[in-house]
Amino acid sequence: MKAREVTEARRAAVLGSPIAHSLSPVLHRAAYEELGLTNWSYDRFEVDEAALPRFFEKVDASWAGLSLTMPLKRAVIPLLDEISDTAASVEAVNTVVVTEEGRRIGDNTDIPGMIAALRERGVEKVGSAAVLGAGATASSALAALSRLCTGPVTAYVRTAARGNEMRQWGERLGVDVRIADWAEAERAFDAPLVIATTPAGTTDALAEAVPERPGTLFDVLYEPWPTALAAAWSAHGGSVVGGLDLLVHQAVLQVEQMTGCAAAPLAVMRGAGEQALAAR
């Protein structure tokens, strides 16, 4: 998509429920300012699955795009004209680009955002990995690992049903997924890369089990930060990738897609996010 004229007014927003905590407006507005998109706006709207179709009735060519968070990443798919292969691979869309003709194209920037965040910390390839949790973010983690991990991925889950879901995602994504019970989650730390995809507080009890020489931890949370697990990991000298890293990298890709600009200002966006979190 070609870059839009900076004199054109365009709208963008993040949708979800709950949405008040979202840092997306901070990141995108910082990018617009740096890129000189003075007539662009980026807002947040509280929208649940039931309200999403009504909201989309108002999305026309005056919109540049939308960011989507839970619980809308799958609910939005029937409302779109097209979705990317990346989004289709996990049946989740977190980015909608509205073309100048008004077509709505869905993509998933969480997956390449994860990869970019890990590569920024020097993680290019690993021989094995562990995933804590089995929700929607875990499927994106498996998709990222399909490009980074050359060996098995062990998923630590609480129920057999969740384990079956992760196995199915692994088969679909070409990842050798092994299932382990959450009670054995401490064993995850033997892997060179651990991706924690669970809600706040879930991994706190595991902090005391961090080994003396841990590998890399990717904890997808950014608030509260650091998590107890991330703090313990850092204290033992391990490399930690945080949720803000993921949020910024996926937002960079969103800005590039929505604006057509070749390179979004990563450092500026990260700085804005860090400042906003520090002020909370």
C-alpha atoms as a PDB file:
ATOM      1  CA  MET A   1       0.000   0.000   0.000  1.00  0.00           C
ATOM      2  CA  LYS A   2       1.344   3.413  -0.914  1.00  0.00           C
ATOM      3  CA  ALA A   3       1.959   5.994   1.796  1.00  0.00           C
ATOM      4  CA  ARG A   4      -1.032   8.238   2.392  1.00  0.00           C
ATOM      5  CA  GLU A   5      -0.703  11.995   2.020  1.00  0.00           C
ATOM      6  CA  VAL A   6       0.130  13.593   5.365  1.00  0.00           C
ATOM      7  CA  THR A   7      -2.458  16.300   4.691  1.00  0.00           C
ATOM      8  CA  GLU A   8      -5.266  13.743   4.563  1.00  0.00           C
ATOM      9  CA  ALA A   9      -7.219  13.298   7.773  1.00  0.00           C
ATOM     10  CA  ARG A  10      -7.450   9.657   8.767  1.00  0.00           C
ATOM     11  CA  ARG A  11      -8.890   7.855  11.760  1.00  0.00           C
ATOM     12  CA  ALA A  12      -7.632   4.796  13.592  1.00  0.00           C
ATOM     13  CA  ALA A  13      -8.472   3.185  16.927  1.00  0.00           C
ATOM     14  CA  VAL A  14      -8.114   0.182  19.172  1.00  0.00           C
ATOM     15  CA  LEU A  15     -11.223  -1.852  19.998  1.00  0.00           C
ATOM     16  CA  GLY A  16     -11.747  -4.338  22.797  1.00  0.00           C
ATOM     17  CA  SER A  17     -13.317  -5.005  26.162  1.00  0.00           C
ATOM     18  CA  PRO A  18     -11.967  -3.993  28.608  1.00  0.00           C
ATOM     19  CA  ILE A  19      -9.995  -1.302  26.789  1.00  0.00           C
ATOM     20  CA  ALA A  20      -9.271   1.524  29.263  1.00  0.00           C
ATOM     21  CA  HIS A  21      -5.823   0.075  30.081  1.00  0.00           C
ATOM     22  CA  SER A  22      -4.638  -0.075  26.462  1.00  0.00           C
ATOM     23  CA  LEU A  23      -1.340   1.605  25.616  1.00  0.00           C
ATOM     24  CA  SER A  24      -2.033   1.468  21.879  1.00  0.00           C
ATOM     25  CA  PRO A  25      -3.203   5.119  21.665  1.00  0.00           C
ATOM     26  CA  VAL A  26       0.042   6.260  23.308  1.00  0.00           C
ATOM     27  CA  LEU A  27       2.186   4.285  20.869  1.00  0.00           C
ATOM     28  CA  HIS A  28       0.313   5.164  17.696  1.00  0.00           C
ATOM     29  CA  ARG A  29      -0.051   8.856  18.521  1.00  0.00           C
ATOM     30  CA  ALA A  30       3.676   9.075  19.223  1.00  0.00           C
ATOM     31  CA  ALA A  31       4.336   7.525  15.815  1.00  0.00           C
ATOM     32  CA  TYR A  32       1.957   9.921  14.057  1.00  0.00           C
ATOM     33  CA  GLU A  33       3.643  12.914  15.650  1.00  0.00           C
ATOM     34  CA  GLU A  34       7.099  11.692  14.669  1.00  0.00           C
ATOM     35  CA  LEU A  35       5.961  10.933  11.111  1.00  0.00           C
ATOM     36  CA  GLY A  36       4.285  14.310  10.674  1.00  0.00           C
ATOM     37  CA  LEU A  37       0.782  12.865  10.363  1.00  0.00           C
ATOM     38  CA  THR A  38      -0.753  15.889  12.054  1.00  0.00           C
ATOM     39  CA  ASN A  39      -4.296  15.237  10.839  1.00  0.00           C
ATOM     40  CA  TRP A  40      -4.378  11.613  11.947  1.00  0.00           C
ATOM     41  CA  SER A  41      -6.187  10.523  15.108  1.00  0.00           C
ATOM     42  CA  TYR A  42      -6.055   7.319  17.144  1.00  0.00           C
ATOM     43  CA  ASP A  43      -8.681   6.557  19.805  1.00  0.00           C
ATOM     44  CA  ARG A  44      -9.902   3.683  21.932  1.00  0.00           C
ATOM     45  CA  PHE A  45     -13.419   2.277  22.016  1.00  0.00           C
ATOM     46  CA  GLU A  46     -15.017  -0.174  24.414  1.00  0.00           C
ATOM     47  CA  VAL A  47     -16.484  -2.752  22.027  1.00  0.00           C
ATOM     48  CA  ASP A  48     -17.476  -6.331  22.786  1.00  0.00           C
ATOM     49  CA  GLU A  49     -18.358  -9.123  20.373  1.00  0.00           C
ATOM     50  CA  ALA A  50     -22.052  -8.203  20.252  1.00  0.00           C
ATOM     51  CA  ALA A  51     -21.343  -4.556  19.422  1.00  0.00           C
ATOM     52  CA  LEU A  52     -18.616  -5.190  16.843  1.00  0.00           C
ATOM     53  CA  PRO A  53     -20.858  -5.536  13.736  1.00  0.00           C
ATOM     54  CA  ARG A  54     -22.597  -2.244  14.548  1.00  0.00           C
ATOM     55  CA  PHE A  55     -19.243  -0.501  14.976  1.00  0.00           C
ATOM     56  CA  PHE A  56     -18.050  -1.821  11.627  1.00  0.00           C
ATOM     57  CA  GLU A  57     -21.057  -0.271   9.888  1.00  0.00           C
ATOM     58  CA  LYS A  58     -19.351   3.102  10.503  1.00  0.00           C
ATOM     59  CA  VAL A  59     -15.910   2.046   9.253  1.00  0.00           C
ATOM     60  CA  ASP A  60     -15.491   3.576   5.795  1.00  0.00           C
ATOM     61  CA  ALA A  61     -12.584   4.878   3.714  1.00  0.00           C
ATOM     62  CA  SER A  62     -12.017   7.752   6.158  1.00  0.00           C
ATOM     63  CA  TRP A  63     -10.503   5.134   8.463  1.00  0.00           C
ATOM     64  CA  ALA A  64      -6.898   4.011   8.119  1.00  0.00           C
ATOM     65  CA  GLY A  65      -7.286   0.953  10.301  1.00  0.00           C
ATOM     66  CA  LEU A  66      -8.092  -0.679  13.603  1.00  0.00           C
ATOM     67  CA  SER A  67      -6.184  -2.521  16.298  1.00  0.00           C
ATOM     68  CA  LEU A  68      -8.100  -5.340  17.964  1.00  0.00           C
ATOM     69  CA  THR A  69      -7.611  -6.890  21.355  1.00  0.00           C
ATOM     70  CA  MET A  70      -9.613  -9.454  23.296  1.00  0.00           C
ATOM     71  CA  PRO A  71     -12.298 -10.626  22.802  1.00  0.00           C
ATOM     72  CA  LEU A  72     -12.471  -9.492  19.173  1.00  0.00           C
ATOM     73  CA  LYS A  73      -9.557 -11.184  17.399  1.00  0.00           C
ATOM     74  CA  ARG A  74     -11.695 -14.027  16.041  1.00  0.00           C
ATOM     75  CA  ALA A  75     -15.082 -12.323  16.090  1.00  0.00           C
ATOM     76  CA  VAL A  76     -13.877  -9.783  13.520  1.00  0.00           C
ATOM     77  CA  ILE A  77     -12.976 -12.311  10.816  1.00  0.00           C
ATOM     78  CA  PRO A  78     -16.487 -12.648   9.250  1.00  0.00           C
ATOM     79  CA  LEU A  79     -16.640  -8.848   8.911  1.00  0.00           C
ATOM     80  CA  LEU A  80     -13.521  -8.609   6.750  1.00  0.00           C
ATOM     81  CA  ASP A  81     -13.008  -8.701   2.983  1.00  0.00           C
ATOM     82  CA  GLU A  82      -9.708 -10.549   3.255  1.00  0.00           C
ATOM     83  CA  ILE A  83      -7.247 -11.872   5.847  1.00  0.00           C
ATOM     84  CA  SER A  84      -3.556 -12.628   5.564  1.00  0.00           C
ATOM     85  CA  ASP A  85      -2.070 -16.111   5.684  1.00  0.00           C
ATOM     86  CA  THR A  86      -0.468 -15.218   9.023  1.00  0.00           C
ATOM     87  CA  ALA A  87      -3.838 -14.326  10.561  1.00  0.00           C
ATOM     88  CA  ALA A  88      -5.483 -17.388   9.034  1.00  0.00           C
ATOM     89  CA  SER A  89      -2.819 -19.676  10.515  1.00  0.00           C
ATOM     90  CA  VAL A  90      -4.036 -18.905  14.056  1.00  0.00           C
ATOM     91  CA  GLU A  91      -7.571 -17.729  13.230  1.00  0.00           C
ATOM     92  CA  ALA A  92      -6.839 -14.416  14.945  1.00  0.00           C
ATOM     93  CA  VAL A  93      -6.775 -10.859  13.588  1.00  0.00           C
ATOM     94  CA  ASN A  94      -5.335  -8.023  15.645  1.00  0.00           C
ATOM     95  CA  THR A  95      -4.944  -5.542  12.770  1.00  0.00           C
ATOM     96  CA  VAL A  96      -7.419  -4.279  10.205  1.00  0.00           C
ATOM     97  CA  VAL A  97      -6.207  -2.041   7.397  1.00  0.00           C
ATOM     98  CA  VAL A  98      -8.870  -0.052   5.559  1.00  0.00           C
ATOM     99  CA  THR A  99      -7.841   0.671   1.986  1.00  0.00           C
ATOM    100  CA  GLU A 100      -8.656   3.887   0.155  1.00  0.00           C
ATOM    101  CA  GLU A 101     -11.382   1.914  -1.597  1.00  0.00           C
ATOM    102  CA  GLY A 102     -12.894   0.950   1.750  1.00  0.00           C
ATOM    103  CA  ARG A 103     -11.837  -2.712   1.734  1.00  0.00           C
ATOM    104  CA  ARG A 104     -11.089  -4.201   5.160  1.00  0.00           C
ATOM    105  CA  ILE A 105      -8.028  -6.415   5.271  1.00  0.00           C
ATOM    106  CA  GLY A 106      -7.125  -8.361   8.408  1.00  0.00           C
ATOM    107  CA  ASP A 107      -3.667  -9.328   9.575  1.00  0.00           C
ATOM    108  CA  ASN A 108      -1.915 -10.586  12.693  1.00  0.00           C
ATOM    109  CA  THR A 109       1.100  -8.529  13.791  1.00  0.00           C
ATOM    110  CA  ASP A 110       1.421 -10.341  17.132  1.00  0.00           C
ATOM    111  CA  ILE A 111       3.292 -13.211  15.485  1.00  0.00           C
ATOM    112  CA  PRO A 112       5.944 -11.195  13.613  1.00  0.00           C
ATOM    113  CA  GLY A 113       6.010  -8.840  16.618  1.00  0.00           C
ATOM    114  CA  MET A 114       7.031 -11.732  18.870  1.00  0.00           C
ATOM    115  CA  ILE A 115       9.717 -12.785  16.421  1.00  0.00           C
ATOM    116  CA  ALA A 116      11.066  -9.232  16.137  1.00  0.00           C
ATOM    117  CA  ALA A 117      11.111  -8.776  19.918  1.00  0.00           C
ATOM    118  CA  LEU A 118      13.090 -11.994  20.377  1.00  0.00           C
ATOM    119  CA  ARG A 119      15.518 -11.211  17.578  1.00  0.00           C
ATOM    120  CA  GLU A 120      16.137  -7.801  19.110  1.00  0.00           C
ATOM    121  CA  ARG A 121      17.506  -9.717  22.130  1.00  0.00           C
ATOM    122  CA  GLY A 122      19.600 -12.009  19.983  1.00  0.00           C
ATOM    123  CA  VAL A 123      17.250 -15.007  19.871  1.00  0.00           C
ATOM    124  CA  GLU A 124      17.349 -16.204  16.270  1.00  0.00           C
ATOM    125  CA  LYS A 125      17.006 -19.972  16.657  1.00  0.00           C
ATOM    126  CA  VAL A 126      16.500 -22.362  19.579  1.00  0.00           C
ATOM    127  CA  GLY A 127      16.605 -26.123  19.741  1.00  0.00           C
ATOM    128  CA  SER A 128      13.593 -26.401  22.049  1.00  0.00           C
ATOM    129  CA  ALA A 129      11.156 -24.162  23.904  1.00  0.00           C
ATOM    130  CA  ALA A 130       8.424 -24.150  26.542  1.00  0.00           C
ATOM    131  CA  VAL A 131       5.090 -22.325  26.575  1.00  0.00           C
ATOM    132  CA  LEU A 132       3.282 -21.587  29.821  1.00  0.00           C
ATOM    133  CA  GLY A 133      -0.455 -21.439  29.190  1.00  0.00           C
ATOM    134  CA  ALA A 134      -2.784 -22.428  26.377  1.00  0.00           C
ATOM    135  CA  GLY A 135      -4.949 -19.427  25.513  1.00  0.00           C
ATOM    136  CA  ALA A 136      -5.138 -17.284  22.386  1.00  0.00           C
ATOM    137  CA  THR A 137      -1.687 -15.797  22.952  1.00  0.00           C
ATOM    138  CA  ALA A 138      -0.235 -19.297  23.250  1.00  0.00           C
ATOM    139  CA  SER A 139      -1.346 -20.123  19.713  1.00  0.00           C
ATOM    140  CA  SER A 140       0.439 -16.999  18.458  1.00  0.00           C
ATOM    141  CA  ALA A 141       3.501 -18.102  20.425  1.00  0.00           C
ATOM    142  CA  LEU A 142       3.419 -21.473  18.659  1.00  0.00           C
ATOM    143  CA  ALA A 143       3.180 -19.711  15.306  1.00  0.00           C
ATOM    144  CA  ALA A 144       6.240 -17.626  16.178  1.00  0.00           C
ATOM    145  CA  LEU A 145       8.080 -20.725  17.388  1.00  0.00           C
ATOM    146  CA  SER A 146       7.334 -22.476  14.098  1.00  0.00           C
ATOM    147  CA  ARG A 147       9.867 -20.040  12.608  1.00  0.00           C
ATOM    148  CA  LEU A 148      12.354 -19.976  15.491  1.00  0.00           C
ATOM    149  CA  CYS A 149      12.405 -23.404  17.127  1.00  0.00           C
ATOM    150  CA  THR A 150      14.009 -26.387  15.422  1.00  0.00           C
ATOM    151  CA  GLY A 151      12.911 -28.959  18.015  1.00  0.00           C
ATOM    152  CA  PRO A 152      10.008 -29.769  20.334  1.00  0.00           C
ATOM    153  CA  VAL A 153       7.888 -27.249  22.222  1.00  0.00           C
ATOM    154  CA  THR A 154       6.469 -28.304  25.594  1.00  0.00           C
ATOM    155  CA  ALA A 155       3.199 -26.654  26.578  1.00  0.00           C
ATOM    156  CA  TYR A 156       2.315 -26.582  30.266  1.00  0.00           C
ATOM    157  CA  VAL A 157      -1.462 -26.598  30.693  1.00  0.00           C
ATOM    158  CA  ARG A 158      -4.059 -27.089  33.425  1.00  0.00           C
ATOM    159  CA  THR A 159      -6.597 -29.275  31.614  1.00  0.00           C
ATOM    160  CA  ALA A 160      -6.619 -32.097  29.083  1.00  0.00           C
ATOM    161  CA  ALA A 161      -8.914 -30.048  26.849  1.00  0.00           C
ATOM    162  CA  ARG A 162      -6.367 -27.238  26.685  1.00  0.00           C
ATOM    163  CA  GLY A 163      -3.658 -29.764  25.971  1.00  0.00           C
ATOM    164  CA  ASN A 164      -5.626 -31.164  23.038  1.00  0.00           C
ATOM    165  CA  GLU A 165      -6.098 -27.651  21.677  1.00  0.00           C
ATOM    166  CA  MET A 166      -2.372 -26.987  21.825  1.00  0.00           C
ATOM    167  CA  ARG A 167      -1.632 -30.294  20.088  1.00  0.00           C
ATOM    168  CA  GLN A 168      -4.067 -29.365  17.326  1.00  0.00           C
ATOM    169  CA  TRP A 169      -2.445 -25.946  16.920  1.00  0.00           C
ATOM    170  CA  GLY A 170       0.941 -27.627  16.782  1.00  0.00           C
ATOM    171  CA  GLU A 171      -0.191 -29.981  14.015  1.00  0.00           C
ATOM    172  CA  ARG A 172      -1.662 -27.081  12.071  1.00  0.00           C
ATOM    173  CA  LEU A 173       1.460 -24.936  12.451  1.00  0.00           C
ATOM    174  CA  GLY A 174       4.003 -27.709  11.953  1.00  0.00           C
ATOM    175  CA  VAL A 175       5.303 -27.588  15.534  1.00  0.00           C
ATOM    176  CA  ASP A 176       6.169 -30.705  17.555  1.00  0.00           C
ATOM    177  CA  VAL A 177       4.099 -29.908  20.665  1.00  0.00           C
ATOM    178  CA  ARG A 178       4.504 -31.998  23.817  1.00  0.00           C
ATOM    179  CA  ILE A 179       1.958 -31.560  26.610  1.00  0.00           C
ATOM    180  CA  ALA A 180       2.807 -31.396  30.312  1.00  0.00           C
ATOM    181  CA  ASP A 181       0.699 -30.732  33.379  1.00  0.00           C
ATOM    182  CA  TRP A 182       0.865 -27.297  34.985  1.00  0.00           C
ATOM    183  CA  ALA A 183       1.964 -28.960  38.230  1.00  0.00           C
ATOM    184  CA  GLU A 184       5.282 -29.685  36.489  1.00  0.00           C
ATOM    185  CA  ALA A 185       5.727 -26.122  35.165  1.00  0.00           C
ATOM    186  CA  GLU A 186       9.066 -25.681  36.963  1.00  0.00           C
ATOM    187  CA  ARG A 187      10.539 -28.099  34.428  1.00  0.00           C
ATOM    188  CA  ALA A 188       9.861 -25.521  31.715  1.00  0.00           C
ATOM    189  CA  PHE A 189      12.876 -23.564  32.907  1.00  0.00           C
ATOM    190  CA  ASP A 190      15.245 -26.187  31.500  1.00  0.00           C
ATOM    191  CA  ALA A 191      14.374 -24.947  28.005  1.00  0.00           C
ATOM    192  CA  PRO A 192      16.541 -22.269  26.360  1.00  0.00           C
ATOM    193  CA  LEU A 193      13.401 -20.221  25.648  1.00  0.00           C
ATOM    194  CA  VAL A 194      10.315 -19.955  27.852  1.00  0.00           C
ATOM    195  CA  ILE A 195       7.246 -18.008  26.713  1.00  0.00           C
ATOM    196  CA  ALA A 196       4.794 -17.142  29.499  1.00  0.00           C
ATOM    197  CA  THR A 197       1.339 -16.374  28.076  1.00  0.00           C
ATOM    198  CA  THR A 198      -0.722 -16.521  31.270  1.00  0.00           C
ATOM    199  CA  PRO A 199      -2.686 -13.765  33.073  1.00  0.00           C
ATOM    200  CA  ALA A 200      -1.158 -11.582  35.779  1.00  0.00           C
ATOM    201  CA  GLY A 201      -0.191 -13.480  38.930  1.00  0.00           C
ATOM    202  CA  THR A 202      -0.383 -16.951  37.406  1.00  0.00           C
ATOM    203  CA  THR A 203       3.370 -17.547  37.312  1.00  0.00           C
ATOM    204  CA  ASP A 204       4.279 -15.749  40.557  1.00  0.00           C
ATOM    205  CA  ALA A 205       4.599 -19.000  42.475  1.00  0.00           C
ATOM    206  CA  LEU A 206       7.201 -20.212  39.970  1.00  0.00           C
ATOM    207  CA  ALA A 207       9.627 -17.360  40.646  1.00  0.00           C
ATOM    208  CA  GLU A 208      11.475 -19.288  43.349  1.00  0.00           C
ATOM    209  CA  ALA A 209      12.173 -22.116  40.900  1.00  0.00           C
ATOM    210  CA  VAL A 210      14.220 -20.057  38.424  1.00  0.00           C
ATOM    211  CA  PRO A 211      17.544 -21.881  37.907  1.00  0.00           C
ATOM    212  CA  GLU A 212      20.988 -20.377  38.453  1.00  0.00           C
ATOM    213  CA  ARG A 213      21.642 -20.050  34.738  1.00  0.00           C
ATOM    214  CA  PRO A 214      18.330 -19.480  32.964  1.00  0.00           C
ATOM    215  CA  GLY A 215      17.969 -18.980  29.234  1.00  0.00           C
ATOM    216  CA  THR A 216      15.549 -16.433  27.774  1.00  0.00           C
ATOM    217  CA  LEU A 217      12.130 -15.629  29.227  1.00  0.00           C
ATOM    218  CA  PHE A 218       9.464 -13.952  27.118  1.00  0.00           C
ATOM    219  CA  ASP A 219       6.722 -12.801  29.489  1.00  0.00           C
ATOM    220  CA  VAL A 220       3.890 -11.269  27.436  1.00  0.00           C
ATOM    221  CA  LEU A 221       2.589  -9.115  30.317  1.00  0.00           C
ATOM    222  CA  TYR A 222       3.488  -5.434  30.581  1.00  0.00           C
ATOM    223  CA  GLU A 223       1.395  -4.440  33.588  1.00  0.00           C
ATOM    224  CA  PRO A 224       2.287  -5.041  36.339  1.00  0.00           C
ATOM    225  CA  TRP A 225       5.956  -5.062  35.369  1.00  0.00           C
ATOM    226  CA  PRO A 226       8.214  -6.680  36.132  1.00  0.00           C
ATOM    227  CA  THR A 227       6.276  -9.770  37.049  1.00  0.00           C
ATOM    228  CA  ALA A 228       7.642 -11.800  39.942  1.00  0.00           C
ATOM    229  CA  LEU A 229       8.921 -14.361  37.437  1.00  0.00           C
ATOM    230  CA  ALA A 230      10.598 -11.745  35.223  1.00  0.00           C
ATOM    231  CA  ALA A 231      12.255 -10.111  38.239  1.00  0.00           C
ATOM    232  CA  ALA A 232      13.633 -13.436  39.478  1.00  0.00           C
ATOM    233  CA  TRP A 233      14.795 -14.326  35.973  1.00  0.00           C
ATOM    234  CA  SER A 234      16.720 -11.060  35.652  1.00  0.00           C
ATOM    235  CA  ALA A 235      18.195 -11.496  39.129  1.00  0.00           C
ATOM    236  CA  HIS A 236      19.665 -14.818  38.009  1.00  0.00           C
ATOM    237  CA  GLY A 237      21.218 -13.242  34.925  1.00  0.00           C
ATOM    238  CA  GLY A 238      18.715 -14.490  32.371  1.00  0.00           C
ATOM    239  CA  SER A 239      17.564 -12.479  29.372  1.00  0.00           C
ATOM    240  CA  VAL A 240      14.000 -11.153  29.647  1.00  0.00           C
ATOM    241  CA  VAL A 241      11.705  -9.979  26.873  1.00  0.00           C
ATOM    242  CA  GLY A 242       8.604  -8.232  28.172  1.00  0.00           C
ATOM    243  CA  GLY A 243       5.093  -7.504  27.073  1.00  0.00           C
ATOM    244  CA  LEU A 244       5.967  -3.914  26.216  1.00  0.00           C
ATOM    245  CA  ASP A 245       8.549  -5.219  23.743  1.00  0.00           C
ATOM    246  CA  LEU A 246       5.816  -7.261  22.058  1.00  0.00           C
ATOM    247  CA  LEU A 247       3.312  -4.404  22.176  1.00  0.00           C
ATOM    248  CA  VAL A 248       5.751  -1.969  20.586  1.00  0.00           C
ATOM    249  CA  HIS A 249       6.944  -4.319  17.848  1.00  0.00           C
ATOM    250  CA  GLN A 250       3.434  -5.339  16.821  1.00  0.00           C
ATOM    251  CA  ALA A 251       2.361  -1.660  16.916  1.00  0.00           C
ATOM    252  CA  VAL A 252       5.297  -0.708  14.672  1.00  0.00           C
ATOM    253  CA  LEU A 253       3.999  -3.140  12.067  1.00  0.00           C
ATOM    254  CA  GLN A 254       0.458  -1.789  12.459  1.00  0.00           C
ATOM    255  CA  VAL A 255       1.616   1.792  11.914  1.00  0.00           C
ATOM    256  CA  GLU A 256       3.565   0.787   8.818  1.00  0.00           C
ATOM    257  CA  GLN A 257       0.583  -1.056   7.356  1.00  0.00           C
ATOM    258  CA  MET A 258      -1.985   1.627   8.160  1.00  0.00           C
ATOM    259  CA  THR A 259       0.108   4.584   6.986  1.00  0.00           C
ATOM    260  CA  GLY A 260       2.119   3.006   4.189  1.00  0.00           C
ATOM    261  CA  CYS A 261       5.286   4.488   5.706  1.00  0.00           C
ATOM    262  CA  ALA A 262       8.350   2.317   5.262  1.00  0.00           C
ATOM    263  CA  ALA A 263       9.635   2.484   8.837  1.00  0.00           C
ATOM    264  CA  ALA A 264       7.718   3.396  11.980  1.00  0.00           C
ATOM    265  CA  PRO A 265       9.742   5.084  14.763  1.00  0.00           C
ATOM    266  CA  LEU A 266      10.414   2.135  17.064  1.00  0.00           C
ATOM    267  CA  ALA A 267      12.520   4.020  19.622  1.00  0.00           C
ATOM    268  CA  VAL A 268      10.038   6.891  19.886  1.00  0.00           C
ATOM    269  CA  MET A 269       7.121   4.508  20.353  1.00  0.00           C
ATOM    270  CA  ARG A 270       8.950   2.475  22.988  1.00  0.00           C
ATOM    271  CA  GLY A 271       9.916   5.630  24.872  1.00  0.00           C
ATOM    272  CA  ALA A 272       6.304   6.818  24.868  1.00  0.00           C
ATOM    273  CA  GLY A 273       5.135   3.458  26.181  1.00  0.00           C
ATOM    274  CA  GLU A 274       7.745   3.386  28.940  1.00  0.00           C
ATOM    275  CA  GLN A 275       6.836   6.918  30.002  1.00  0.00           C
ATOM    276  CA  ALA A 276       3.119   6.077  30.099  1.00  0.00           C
ATOM    277  CA  LEU A 277       3.688   2.961  32.179  1.00  0.00           C
ATOM    278  CA  ALA A 278       5.927   4.843  34.614  1.00  0.00           C
ATOM    279  CA  ALA A 279       3.180   7.400  35.129  1.00  0.00           C
ATOM    280  CA  ARG A 280       0.575   4.791  36.120  1.00  0.00           C
END
